[in-house]
Amino acid sequence: MRFFVVAVLCFPLFFIRVLGAGDIKILAVVIGVLGEQAGFFSCILSFLISSSYGLFKLIRKRSLKKRVVCAFVYLMYGKKMRQIPYWNLEQDGYEMTMPLAWSIWLGVLIYLLL
């Protein structure tokens, strides 16, 4: 049941391309195995680790301003026009993407060690 609830709650993030389907499955398994409270804490910890790394990567690549503008345009107009991608493979490449699975693993590991 927990798996289904997590999948339903994370679907909006999948729909706007914030999370991938695999990330949602991993989060659901983590919450299913650890329980609601421990799983939620480890997922929040995972998101904090991932966002910190992402911010570091944006600053290091000197593209923070560009990505903030792109995100703003996407959030304001992307839903209406459905043609403005936040991330474009030809323009951006895979340099600014990052898999969430490693940060989920690290968040769970840190939770279990605490």
PDB file of N, CA and C in Angstrom:
ATOM      1  N   MET A   1       0.824  -1.198   0.000  1.00  0.00           N
ATOM      2  CA  MET A   1       0.000   0.000   0.000  1.00  0.00           C
ATOM      3  C   MET A   1       0.870   1.266   0.000  1.00  0.00           C
ATOM      4  N   ARG A   2       1.984   1.230   0.774  1.00  0.00           N
ATOM      5  CA  ARG A   2       2.871   2.397   0.823  1.00  0.00           C
ATOM      6  C   ARG A   2       3.433   2.714  -0.555  1.00  0.00           C
ATOM      7  N   PHE A   3       3.781   1.670  -1.293  1.00  0.00           N
ATOM      8  CA  PHE A   3       4.343   1.851  -2.632  1.00  0.00           C
ATOM      9  C   PHE A   3       3.367   2.625  -3.513  1.00  0.00           C
ATOM     10  N   PHE A   4       2.105   2.244  -3.475  1.00  0.00           N
ATOM     11  CA  PHE A   4       1.078   2.895  -4.288  1.00  0.00           C
ATOM     12  C   PHE A   4       0.902   4.351  -3.880  1.00  0.00           C
ATOM     13  N   VAL A   5       0.874   4.617  -2.587  1.00  0.00           N
ATOM     14  CA  VAL A   5       0.684   5.985  -2.092  1.00  0.00           C
ATOM     15  C   VAL A   5       1.843   6.877  -2.536  1.00  0.00           C
ATOM     16  N   VAL A   6       3.071   6.368  -2.401  1.00  0.00           N
ATOM     17  CA  VAL A   6       4.242   7.147  -2.820  1.00  0.00           C
ATOM     18  C   VAL A   6       4.207   7.399  -4.326  1.00  0.00           C
ATOM     19  N   ALA A   7       3.853   6.384  -5.092  1.00  0.00           N
ATOM     20  CA  ALA A   7       3.795   6.541  -6.546  1.00  0.00           C
ATOM     21  C   ALA A   7       2.755   7.590  -6.940  1.00  0.00           C
ATOM     22  N   VAL A   8       1.619   7.588  -6.287  1.00  0.00           N
ATOM     23  CA  VAL A   8       0.570   8.574  -6.597  1.00  0.00           C
ATOM     24  C   VAL A   8       1.004   9.980  -6.186  1.00  0.00           C
ATOM     25  N   LEU A   9       1.630  10.101  -5.010  1.00  0.00           N
ATOM     26  CA  LEU A   9       2.064  11.421  -4.551  1.00  0.00           C
ATOM     27  C   LEU A   9       3.207  11.990  -5.393  1.00  0.00           C
ATOM     28  N   CYS A  10       4.048  11.120  -5.944  1.00  0.00           N
ATOM     29  CA  CYS A  10       5.191  11.580  -6.743  1.00  0.00           C
ATOM     30  C   CYS A  10       4.851  11.750  -8.224  1.00  0.00           C
ATOM     31  N   PHE A  11       3.685  11.303  -8.655  1.00  0.00           N
ATOM     32  CA  PHE A  11       3.343  11.406 -10.070  1.00  0.00           C
ATOM     33  C   PHE A  11       3.383  12.837 -10.604  1.00  0.00           C
ATOM     34  N   PRO A  12       2.905  13.849  -9.859  1.00  0.00           N
ATOM     35  CA  PRO A  12       3.024  15.218 -10.393  1.00  0.00           C
ATOM     36  C   PRO A  12       4.469  15.616 -10.674  1.00  0.00           C
ATOM     37  N   LEU A  13       5.404  15.143  -9.861  1.00  0.00           N
ATOM     38  CA  LEU A  13       6.818  15.447 -10.103  1.00  0.00           C
ATOM     39  C   LEU A  13       7.330  14.735 -11.348  1.00  0.00           C
ATOM     40  N   PHE A  14       6.806  13.559 -11.615  1.00  0.00           N
ATOM     41  CA  PHE A  14       7.144  12.843 -12.843  1.00  0.00           C
ATOM     42  C   PHE A  14       6.551  13.569 -14.049  1.00  0.00           C
ATOM     43  N   PHE A  15       5.339  14.053 -13.893  1.00  0.00           N
ATOM     44  CA  PHE A  15       4.632  14.716 -14.980  1.00  0.00           C
ATOM     45  C   PHE A  15       5.343  15.987 -15.441  1.00  0.00           C
ATOM     46  N   ILE A  16       5.931  16.723 -14.513  1.00  0.00           N
ATOM     47  CA  ILE A  16       6.652  17.948 -14.896  1.00  0.00           C
ATOM     48  C   ILE A  16       8.154  17.679 -15.054  1.00  0.00           C
ATOM     49  N   ARG A  17       8.531  16.430 -15.112  1.00  0.00           N
ATOM     50  CA  ARG A  17       9.890  15.973 -15.408  1.00  0.00           C
ATOM     51  C   ARG A  17      10.926  16.356 -14.353  1.00  0.00           C
ATOM     52  N   VAL A  18      10.495  16.381 -13.101  1.00  0.00           N
ATOM     53  CA  VAL A  18      11.426  16.617 -12.007  1.00  0.00           C
ATOM     54  C   VAL A  18      12.046  15.298 -11.565  1.00  0.00           C
ATOM     55  N   LEU A  19      11.228  14.261 -11.518  1.00  0.00           N
ATOM     56  CA  LEU A  19      11.688  12.923 -11.145  1.00  0.00           C
ATOM     57  C   LEU A  19      11.425  11.959 -12.287  1.00  0.00           C
ATOM     58  N   GLY A  20      12.280  10.964 -12.377  1.00  0.00           N
ATOM     59  CA  GLY A  20      12.057   9.893 -13.344  1.00  0.00           C
ATOM     60  C   GLY A  20      11.248   8.775 -12.702  1.00  0.00           C
ATOM     61  N   ALA A  21      10.737   7.880 -13.509  1.00  0.00           N
ATOM     62  CA  ALA A  21       9.935   6.765 -12.993  1.00  0.00           C
ATOM     63  C   ALA A  21      10.773   5.864 -12.093  1.00  0.00           C
ATOM     64  N   GLY A  22      12.027   5.662 -12.452  1.00  0.00           N
ATOM     65  CA  GLY A  22      12.907   4.840 -11.617  1.00  0.00           C
ATOM     66  C   GLY A  22      13.142   5.460 -10.254  1.00  0.00           C
ATOM     67  N   ASP A  23      13.282   6.785 -10.214  1.00  0.00           N
ATOM     68  CA  ASP A  23      13.470   7.480  -8.936  1.00  0.00           C
ATOM     69  C   ASP A  23      12.246   7.294  -8.040  1.00  0.00           C
ATOM     70  N   ILE A  24      11.069   7.376  -8.626  1.00  0.00           N
ATOM     71  CA  ILE A  24       9.838   7.194  -7.855  1.00  0.00           C
ATOM     72  C   ILE A  24       9.763   5.771  -7.311  1.00  0.00           C
ATOM     73  N   LYS A  25      10.153   4.803  -8.105  1.00  0.00           N
ATOM     74  CA  LYS A  25      10.142   3.417  -7.632  1.00  0.00           C
ATOM     75  C   LYS A  25      11.114   3.220  -6.488  1.00  0.00           C
ATOM     76  N   ILE A  26      12.304   3.797  -6.607  1.00  0.00           N
ATOM     77  CA  ILE A  26      13.294   3.668  -5.528  1.00  0.00           C
ATOM     78  C   ILE A  26      12.780   4.332  -4.253  1.00  0.00           C
ATOM     79  N   LEU A  27      12.193   5.525  -4.375  1.00  0.00           N
ATOM     80  CA  LEU A  27      11.630   6.205  -3.203  1.00  0.00           C
ATOM     81  C   LEU A  27      10.522   5.382  -2.561  1.00  0.00           C
ATOM     82  N   ALA A  28       9.691   4.775  -3.396  1.00  0.00           N
ATOM     83  CA  ALA A  28       8.606   3.953  -2.879  1.00  0.00           C
ATOM     84  C   ALA A  28       9.143   2.731  -2.135  1.00  0.00           C
ATOM     85  N   VAL A  29      10.174   2.109  -2.664  1.00  0.00           N
ATOM     86  CA  VAL A  29      10.773   0.954  -1.992  1.00  0.00           C
ATOM     87  C   VAL A  29      11.406   1.383  -0.669  1.00  0.00           C
ATOM     88  N   VAL A  30      12.104   2.508  -0.658  1.00  0.00           N
ATOM     89  CA  VAL A  30      12.726   3.002   0.576  1.00  0.00           C
ATOM     90  C   VAL A  30      11.672   3.238   1.647  1.00  0.00           C
ATOM     91  N   ILE A  31      10.597   3.910   1.299  1.00  0.00           N
ATOM     92  CA  ILE A  31       9.536   4.184   2.269  1.00  0.00           C
ATOM     93  C   ILE A  31       8.821   2.896   2.660  1.00  0.00           C
ATOM     94  N   GLY A  32       8.657   1.995   1.704  1.00  0.00           N
ATOM     95  CA  GLY A  32       8.029   0.720   2.017  1.00  0.00           C
ATOM     96  C   GLY A  32       8.844  -0.126   2.972  1.00  0.00           C
ATOM     97  N   VAL A  33      10.158  -0.110   2.830  1.00  0.00           N
ATOM     98  CA  VAL A  33      11.030  -0.930   3.675  1.00  0.00           C
ATOM     99  C   VAL A  33      11.280  -0.272   5.033  1.00  0.00           C
ATOM    100  N   LEU A  34      11.583   1.015   5.034  1.00  0.00           N
ATOM    101  CA  LEU A  34      11.927   1.693   6.282  1.00  0.00           C
ATOM    102  C   LEU A  34      10.717   2.132   7.101  1.00  0.00           C
ATOM    103  N   GLY A  35       9.564   2.213   6.487  1.00  0.00           N
ATOM    104  CA  GLY A  35       8.383   2.743   7.171  1.00  0.00           C
ATOM    105  C   GLY A  35       8.172   4.198   6.793  1.00  0.00           C
ATOM    106  N   GLU A  36       7.015   4.716   7.164  1.00  0.00           N
ATOM    107  CA  GLU A  36       6.667   6.070   6.737  1.00  0.00           C
ATOM    108  C   GLU A  36       7.608   7.125   7.311  1.00  0.00           C
ATOM    109  N   GLN A  37       7.803   7.100   8.613  1.00  0.00           N
ATOM    110  CA  GLN A  37       8.580   8.158   9.242  1.00  0.00           C
ATOM    111  C   GLN A  37      10.061   8.090   8.856  1.00  0.00           C
ATOM    112  N   ALA A  38      10.665   6.931   8.974  1.00  0.00           N
ATOM    113  CA  ALA A  38      12.084   6.779   8.635  1.00  0.00           C
ATOM    114  C   ALA A  38      12.300   6.964   7.138  1.00  0.00           C
ATOM    115  N   GLY A  39      11.397   6.425   6.331  1.00  0.00           N
ATOM    116  CA  GLY A  39      11.514   6.566   4.885  1.00  0.00           C
ATOM    117  C   GLY A  39      11.374   8.004   4.439  1.00  0.00           C
ATOM    118  N   PHE A  40      10.414   8.719   5.043  1.00  0.00           N
ATOM    119  CA  PHE A  40      10.230  10.130   4.698  1.00  0.00           C
ATOM    120  C   PHE A  40      11.467  10.933   5.069  1.00  0.00           C
ATOM    121  N   PHE A  41      12.016  10.682   6.265  1.00  0.00           N
ATOM    122  CA  PHE A  41      13.219  11.399   6.698  1.00  0.00           C
ATOM    123  C   PHE A  41      14.388  11.126   5.761  1.00  0.00           C
ATOM    124  N   SER A  42      14.579   9.868   5.383  1.00  0.00           N
ATOM    125  CA  SER A  42      15.703   9.552   4.491  1.00  0.00           C
ATOM    126  C   SER A  42      15.488  10.132   3.093  1.00  0.00           C
ATOM    127  N   CYS A  43      14.249  10.214   2.636  1.00  0.00           N
ATOM    128  CA  CYS A  43      13.972  10.832   1.328  1.00  0.00           C
ATOM    129  C   CYS A  43      14.230  12.332   1.361  1.00  0.00           C
ATOM    130  N   ILE A  44      13.818  12.997   2.445  1.00  0.00           N
ATOM    131  CA  ILE A  44      14.098  14.434   2.585  1.00  0.00           C
ATOM    132  C   ILE A  44      15.605  14.661   2.631  1.00  0.00           C
ATOM    133  N   LEU A  45      16.314  13.803   3.362  1.00  0.00           N
ATOM    134  CA  LEU A  45      17.768  13.892   3.416  1.00  0.00           C
ATOM    135  C   LEU A  45      18.375  13.690   2.029  1.00  0.00           C
ATOM    136  N   SER A  46      17.817  12.763   1.269  1.00  0.00           N
ATOM    137  CA  SER A  46      18.291  12.512  -0.096  1.00  0.00           C
ATOM    138  C   SER A  46      18.087  13.724  -0.990  1.00  0.00           C
ATOM    139  N   PHE A  47      16.922  14.370  -0.875  1.00  0.00           N
ATOM    140  CA  PHE A  47      16.658  15.560  -1.680  1.00  0.00           C
ATOM    141  C   PHE A  47      17.590  16.705  -1.290  1.00  0.00           C
ATOM    142  N   LEU A  48      17.896  16.831  -0.013  1.00  0.00           N
ATOM    143  CA  LEU A  48      18.829  17.872   0.421  1.00  0.00           C
ATOM    144  C   LEU A  48      20.235  17.618  -0.133  1.00  0.00           C
ATOM    145  N   ILE A  49      20.664  16.372  -0.103  1.00  0.00           N
ATOM    146  CA  ILE A  49      21.973  16.019  -0.659  1.00  0.00           C
ATOM    147  C   ILE A  49      22.006  16.310  -2.151  1.00  0.00           C
ATOM    148  N   SER A  50      20.967  15.901  -2.851  1.00  0.00           N
ATOM    149  CA  SER A  50      20.907  16.085  -4.296  1.00  0.00           C
ATOM    150  C   SER A  50      20.844  17.561  -4.681  1.00  0.00           C
ATOM    151  N   SER A  51      20.038  18.330  -3.955  1.00  0.00           N
ATOM    152  CA  SER A  51      19.932  19.754  -4.293  1.00  0.00           C
ATOM    153  C   SER A  51      21.224  20.499  -3.973  1.00  0.00           C
ATOM    154  N   SER A  52      21.902  20.116  -2.906  1.00  0.00           N
ATOM    155  CA  SER A  52      23.191  20.735  -2.587  1.00  0.00           C
ATOM    156  C   SER A  52      24.210  20.441  -3.677  1.00  0.00           C
ATOM    157  N   TYR A  53      24.245  19.196  -4.122  1.00  0.00           N
ATOM    158  CA  TYR A  53      25.169  18.833  -5.191  1.00  0.00           C
ATOM    159  C   TYR A  53      24.812  19.557  -6.490  1.00  0.00           C
ATOM    160  N   GLY A  54      23.513  19.637  -6.786  1.00  0.00           N
ATOM    161  CA  GLY A  54      23.077  20.339  -7.998  1.00  0.00           C
ATOM    162  C   GLY A  54      23.428  21.809  -7.975  1.00  0.00           C
ATOM    163  N   LEU A  55      23.243  22.455  -6.835  1.00  0.00           N
ATOM    164  CA  LEU A  55      23.610  23.864  -6.703  1.00  0.00           C
ATOM    165  C   LEU A  55      25.114  24.050  -6.873  1.00  0.00           C
ATOM    166  N   PHE A  56      25.896  23.168  -6.261  1.00  0.00           N
ATOM    167  CA  PHE A  56      27.346  23.211  -6.421  1.00  0.00           C
ATOM    168  C   PHE A  56      27.732  23.056  -7.890  1.00  0.00           C
ATOM    169  N   LYS A  57      27.079  22.128  -8.575  1.00  0.00           N
ATOM    170  CA  LYS A  57      27.385  21.880  -9.988  1.00  0.00           C
ATOM    171  C   LYS A  57      27.023  23.085 -10.858  1.00  0.00           C
ATOM    172  N   LEU A  58      25.887  23.721 -10.589  1.00  0.00           N
ATOM    173  CA  LEU A  58      25.486  24.906 -11.347  1.00  0.00           C
ATOM    174  C   LEU A  58      26.449  26.067 -11.131  1.00  0.00           C
ATOM    175  N   ILE A  59      26.875  26.248  -9.900  1.00  0.00           N
ATOM    176  CA  ILE A  59      27.817  27.334  -9.605  1.00  0.00           C
ATOM    177  C   ILE A  59      29.167  27.049 -10.250  1.00  0.00           C
ATOM    178  N   ARG A  60      29.620  25.806 -10.165  1.00  0.00           N
ATOM    179  CA  ARG A  60      30.923  25.438 -10.739  1.00  0.00           C
ATOM    180  C   ARG A  60      30.935  25.603 -12.255  1.00  0.00           C
ATOM    181  N   LYS A  61      29.819  25.271 -12.908  1.00  0.00           N
ATOM    182  CA  LYS A  61      29.727  25.387 -14.365  1.00  0.00           C
ATOM    183  C   LYS A  61      29.313  26.792 -14.811  1.00  0.00           C
ATOM    184  N   ARG A  62      29.089  27.677 -13.860  1.00  0.00           N
ATOM    185  CA  ARG A  62      28.683  29.059 -14.126  1.00  0.00           C
ATOM    186  C   ARG A  62      27.409  29.161 -14.972  1.00  0.00           C
ATOM    187  N   SER A  63      26.444  28.326 -14.634  1.00  0.00           N
ATOM    188  CA  SER A  63      25.183  28.356 -15.386  1.00  0.00           C
ATOM    189  C   SER A  63      23.967  28.500 -14.482  1.00  0.00           C
ATOM    190  N   LEU A  64      24.180  28.954 -13.257  1.00  0.00           N
ATOM    191  CA  LEU A  64      23.069  29.104 -12.314  1.00  0.00           C
ATOM    192  C   LEU A  64      22.037  30.108 -12.826  1.00  0.00           C
ATOM    193  N   LYS A  65      22.487  31.272 -13.259  1.00  0.00           N
ATOM    194  CA  LYS A  65      21.563  32.316 -13.732  1.00  0.00           C
ATOM    195  C   LYS A  65      20.758  31.825 -14.934  1.00  0.00           C
ATOM    196  N   LYS A  66      21.431  31.174 -15.872  1.00  0.00           N
ATOM    197  CA  LYS A  66      20.762  30.675 -17.071  1.00  0.00           C
ATOM    198  C   LYS A  66      19.690  29.646 -16.706  1.00  0.00           C
ATOM    199  N   ARG A  67      19.998  28.721 -15.779  1.00  0.00           N
ATOM    200  CA  ARG A  67      19.051  27.673 -15.407  1.00  0.00           C
ATOM    201  C   ARG A  67      17.868  28.234 -14.626  1.00  0.00           C
ATOM    202  N   VAL A  68      18.118  29.264 -13.801  1.00  0.00           N
ATOM    203  CA  VAL A  68      17.022  29.896 -13.066  1.00  0.00           C
ATOM    204  C   VAL A  68      16.063  30.578 -14.038  1.00  0.00           C
ATOM    205  N   VAL A  69      16.606  31.269 -15.034  1.00  0.00           N
ATOM    206  CA  VAL A  69      15.760  31.908 -16.047  1.00  0.00           C
ATOM    207  C   VAL A  69      14.978  30.864 -16.830  1.00  0.00           C
ATOM    208  N   CYS A  70      15.639  29.791 -17.238  1.00  0.00           N
ATOM    209  CA  CYS A  70      14.956  28.716 -17.966  1.00  0.00           C
ATOM    210  C   CYS A  70      13.842  28.094 -17.127  1.00  0.00           C
ATOM    211  N   ALA A  71      14.118  27.877 -15.851  1.00  0.00           N
ATOM    212  CA  ALA A  71      13.107  27.292 -14.970  1.00  0.00           C
ATOM    213  C   ALA A  71      11.918  28.242 -14.814  1.00  0.00           C
ATOM    214  N   PHE A  72      12.188  29.539 -14.689  1.00  0.00           N
ATOM    215  CA  PHE A  72      11.115  30.518 -14.554  1.00  0.00           C
ATOM    216  C   PHE A  72      10.241  30.537 -15.807  1.00  0.00           C
ATOM    217  N   VAL A  73      10.866  30.578 -16.967  1.00  0.00           N
ATOM    218  CA  VAL A  73      10.113  30.583 -18.227  1.00  0.00           C
ATOM    219  C   VAL A  73       9.301  29.301 -18.358  1.00  0.00           C
ATOM    220  N   TYR A  74       9.909  28.179 -18.014  1.00  0.00           N
ATOM    221  CA  TYR A  74       9.203  26.892 -18.094  1.00  0.00           C
ATOM    222  C   TYR A  74       7.994  26.867 -17.174  1.00  0.00           C
ATOM    223  N   LEU A  75       8.173  27.333 -15.942  1.00  0.00           N
ATOM    224  CA  LEU A  75       7.063  27.316 -14.986  1.00  0.00           C
ATOM    225  C   LEU A  75       5.952  28.289 -15.371  1.00  0.00           C
ATOM    226  N   MET A  76       6.309  29.410 -15.976  1.00  0.00           N
ATOM    227  CA  MET A  76       5.305  30.408 -16.337  1.00  0.00           C
ATOM    228  C   MET A  76       4.573  30.081 -17.637  1.00  0.00           C
ATOM    229  N   TYR A  77       5.305  29.558 -18.631  1.00  0.00           N
ATOM    230  CA  TYR A  77       4.717  29.399 -19.953  1.00  0.00           C
ATOM    231  C   TYR A  77       4.679  27.967 -20.463  1.00  0.00           C
ATOM    232  N   GLY A  78       5.467  27.104 -19.881  1.00  0.00           N
ATOM    233  CA  GLY A  78       5.571  25.735 -20.389  1.00  0.00           C
ATOM    234  C   GLY A  78       4.275  24.965 -20.335  1.00  0.00           C
ATOM    235  N   LYS A  79       3.502  25.154 -19.296  1.00  0.00           N
ATOM    236  CA  LYS A  79       2.233  24.439 -19.163  1.00  0.00           C
ATOM    237  C   LYS A  79       1.231  24.895 -20.220  1.00  0.00           C
ATOM    238  N   LYS A  80       1.226  26.173 -20.517  1.00  0.00           N
ATOM    239  CA  LYS A  80       0.286  26.713 -21.496  1.00  0.00           C
ATOM    240  C   LYS A  80       0.668  26.305 -22.918  1.00  0.00           C
ATOM    241  N   MET A  81       1.947  26.415 -23.241  1.00  0.00           N
ATOM    242  CA  MET A  81       2.378  26.189 -24.614  1.00  0.00           C
ATOM    243  C   MET A  81       2.785  24.742 -24.874  1.00  0.00           C
ATOM    244  N   ARG A  82       3.222  24.032 -23.843  1.00  0.00           N
ATOM    245  CA  ARG A  82       3.663  22.635 -23.942  1.00  0.00           C
ATOM    246  C   ARG A  82       4.747  22.413 -24.994  1.00  0.00           C
ATOM    247  N   GLN A  83       5.438  23.458 -25.365  1.00  0.00           N
ATOM    248  CA  GLN A  83       6.500  23.324 -26.351  1.00  0.00           C
ATOM    249  C   GLN A  83       7.813  23.904 -25.859  1.00  0.00           C
ATOM    250  N   ILE A  84       7.832  24.436 -24.676  1.00  0.00           N
ATOM    251  CA  ILE A  84       9.049  25.025 -24.142  1.00  0.00           C
ATOM    252  C   ILE A  84       9.665  24.013 -23.181  1.00  0.00           C
ATOM    253  N   PRO A  85      10.680  23.305 -23.619  1.00  0.00           N
ATOM    254  CA  PRO A  85      11.292  22.345 -22.697  1.00  0.00           C
ATOM    255  C   PRO A  85      12.225  23.035 -21.715  1.00  0.00           C
ATOM    256  N   TYR A  86      12.229  22.575 -20.481  1.00  0.00           N
ATOM    257  CA  TYR A  86      13.165  23.117 -19.502  1.00  0.00           C
ATOM    258  C   TYR A  86      14.572  22.636 -19.827  1.00  0.00           C
ATOM    259  N   TRP A  87      14.674  21.400 -20.258  1.00  0.00           N
ATOM    260  CA  TRP A  87      15.963  20.810 -20.586  1.00  0.00           C
ATOM    261  C   TRP A  87      15.910  20.315 -22.017  1.00  0.00           C
ATOM    262  N   ASN A  88      16.849  20.755 -22.813  1.00  0.00           N
ATOM    263  CA  ASN A  88      16.896  20.385 -24.213  1.00  0.00           C
ATOM    264  C   ASN A  88      18.197  19.618 -24.458  1.00  0.00           C
ATOM    265  N   LEU A  89      18.090  18.373 -24.936  1.00  0.00           N
ATOM    266  CA  LEU A  89      19.260  17.516 -25.120  1.00  0.00           C
ATOM    267  C   LEU A  89      20.264  18.125 -26.076  1.00  0.00           C
ATOM    268  N   GLU A  90      19.807  18.672 -27.195  1.00  0.00           N
ATOM    269  CA  GLU A  90      20.728  19.236 -28.177  1.00  0.00           C
ATOM    270  C   GLU A  90      21.461  20.467 -27.620  1.00  0.00           C
ATOM    271  N   GLN A  91      20.770  21.264 -26.849  1.00  0.00           N
ATOM    272  CA  GLN A  91      21.354  22.496 -26.322  1.00  0.00           C
ATOM    273  C   GLN A  91      22.157  22.241 -25.047  1.00  0.00           C
ATOM    274  N   ASP A  92      21.633  21.436 -24.147  1.00  0.00           N
ATOM    275  CA  ASP A  92      22.231  21.271 -22.828  1.00  0.00           C
ATOM    276  C   ASP A  92      23.104  20.036 -22.689  1.00  0.00           C
ATOM    277  N   GLY A  93      22.819  19.004 -23.463  1.00  0.00           N
ATOM    278  CA  GLY A  93      23.562  17.757 -23.323  1.00  0.00           C
ATOM    279  C   GLY A  93      23.269  17.089 -21.985  1.00  0.00           C
ATOM    280  N   TYR A  94      24.086  16.131 -21.632  1.00  0.00           N
ATOM    281  CA  TYR A  94      23.898  15.420 -20.371  1.00  0.00           C
ATOM    282  C   TYR A  94      24.765  15.985 -19.250  1.00  0.00           C
ATOM    283  N   GLU A  95      25.454  17.081 -19.530  1.00  0.00           N
ATOM    284  CA  GLU A  95      26.379  17.642 -18.564  1.00  0.00           C
ATOM    285  C   GLU A  95      25.686  18.112 -17.286  1.00  0.00           C
ATOM    286  N   MET A  96      24.482  18.640 -17.385  1.00  0.00           N
ATOM    287  CA  MET A  96      23.808  19.193 -16.219  1.00  0.00           C
ATOM    288  C   MET A  96      22.778  18.251 -15.602  1.00  0.00           C
ATOM    289  N   THR A  97      22.681  17.039 -16.102  1.00  0.00           N
ATOM    290  CA  THR A  97      21.760  16.086 -15.486  1.00  0.00           C
ATOM    291  C   THR A  97      22.482  15.335 -14.385  1.00  0.00           C
ATOM    292  N   MET A  98      21.708  14.777 -13.475  1.00  0.00           N
ATOM    293  CA  MET A  98      22.311  13.945 -12.448  1.00  0.00           C
ATOM    294  C   MET A  98      21.298  12.917 -11.989  1.00  0.00           C
ATOM    295  N   PRO A  99      21.740  11.681 -11.860  1.00  0.00           N
ATOM    296  CA  PRO A  99      20.832  10.647 -11.379  1.00  0.00           C
ATOM    297  C   PRO A  99      20.554  10.834  -9.886  1.00  0.00           C
ATOM    298  N   LEU A 100      19.327  10.611  -9.500  1.00  0.00           N
ATOM    299  CA  LEU A 100      18.929  10.802  -8.111  1.00  0.00           C
ATOM    300  C   LEU A 100      19.217   9.560  -7.265  1.00  0.00           C
ATOM    301  N   ALA A 101      19.426   8.421  -7.909  1.00  0.00           N
ATOM    302  CA  ALA A 101      19.579   7.165  -7.177  1.00  0.00           C
ATOM    303  C   ALA A 101      20.747   7.200  -6.195  1.00  0.00           C
ATOM    304  N   TRP A 102      21.859   7.814  -6.580  1.00  0.00           N
ATOM    305  CA  TRP A 102      23.006   7.837  -5.669  1.00  0.00           C
ATOM    306  C   TRP A 102      22.715   8.670  -4.430  1.00  0.00           C
ATOM    307  N   SER A 103      21.967   9.746  -4.579  1.00  0.00           N
ATOM    308  CA  SER A 103      21.661  10.570  -3.409  1.00  0.00           C
ATOM    309  C   SER A 103      20.616   9.885  -2.521  1.00  0.00           C
ATOM    310  N   ILE A 104      19.720   9.112  -3.123  1.00  0.00           N
ATOM    311  CA  ILE A 104      18.776   8.334  -2.318  1.00  0.00           C
ATOM    312  C   ILE A 104      19.549   7.297  -1.500  1.00  0.00           C
ATOM    313  N   TRP A 105      20.483   6.618  -2.156  1.00  0.00           N
ATOM    314  CA  TRP A 105      21.311   5.635  -1.454  1.00  0.00           C
ATOM    315  C   TRP A 105      22.075   6.296  -0.318  1.00  0.00           C
ATOM    316  N   LEU A 106      22.663   7.457  -0.579  1.00  0.00           N
ATOM    317  CA  LEU A 106      23.434   8.152   0.439  1.00  0.00           C
ATOM    318  C   LEU A 106      22.539   8.620   1.589  1.00  0.00           C
ATOM    319  N   GLY A 107      21.353   9.108   1.273  1.00  0.00           N
ATOM    320  CA  GLY A 107      20.411   9.527   2.315  1.00  0.00           C
ATOM    321  C   GLY A 107      19.997   8.379   3.208  1.00  0.00           C
ATOM    322  N   VAL A 108      19.730   7.225   2.615  1.00  0.00           N
ATOM    323  CA  VAL A 108      19.362   6.036   3.402  1.00  0.00           C
ATOM    324  C   VAL A 108      20.558   5.585   4.253  1.00  0.00           C
ATOM    325  N   LEU A 109      21.742   5.589   3.668  1.00  0.00           N
ATOM    326  CA  LEU A 109      22.941   5.188   4.404  1.00  0.00           C
ATOM    327  C   LEU A 109      23.188   6.095   5.608  1.00  0.00           C
ATOM    328  N   ILE A 110      23.075   7.402   5.402  1.00  0.00           N
ATOM    329  CA  ILE A 110      23.264   8.338   6.506  1.00  0.00           C
ATOM    330  C   ILE A 110      22.208   8.122   7.577  1.00  0.00           C
ATOM    331  N   TYR A 111      20.956   7.906   7.169  1.00  0.00           N
ATOM    332  CA  TYR A 111      19.897   7.644   8.145  1.00  0.00           C
ATOM    333  C   TYR A 111      20.199   6.386   8.947  1.00  0.00           C
ATOM    334  N   LEU A 112      20.627   5.340   8.285  1.00  0.00           N
ATOM    335  CA  LEU A 112      20.893   4.087   8.992  1.00  0.00           C
ATOM    336  C   LEU A 112      22.106   4.192   9.921  1.00  0.00           C
ATOM    337  N   LEU A 113      23.064   5.034   9.583  1.00  0.00           N
ATOM    338  CA  LEU A 113      24.241   5.221  10.438  1.00  0.00           C
ATOM    339  C   LEU A 113      23.962   6.129  11.626  1.00  0.00           C
ATOM    340  N   LEU A 114      22.942   6.965  11.506  1.00  0.00           N
ATOM    341  CA  LEU A 114      22.593   7.856  12.638  1.00  0.00           C
ATOM    342  C   LEU A 114      21.852   7.044  13.632  1.00  0.00           C
TER     343      LEU A 114
END
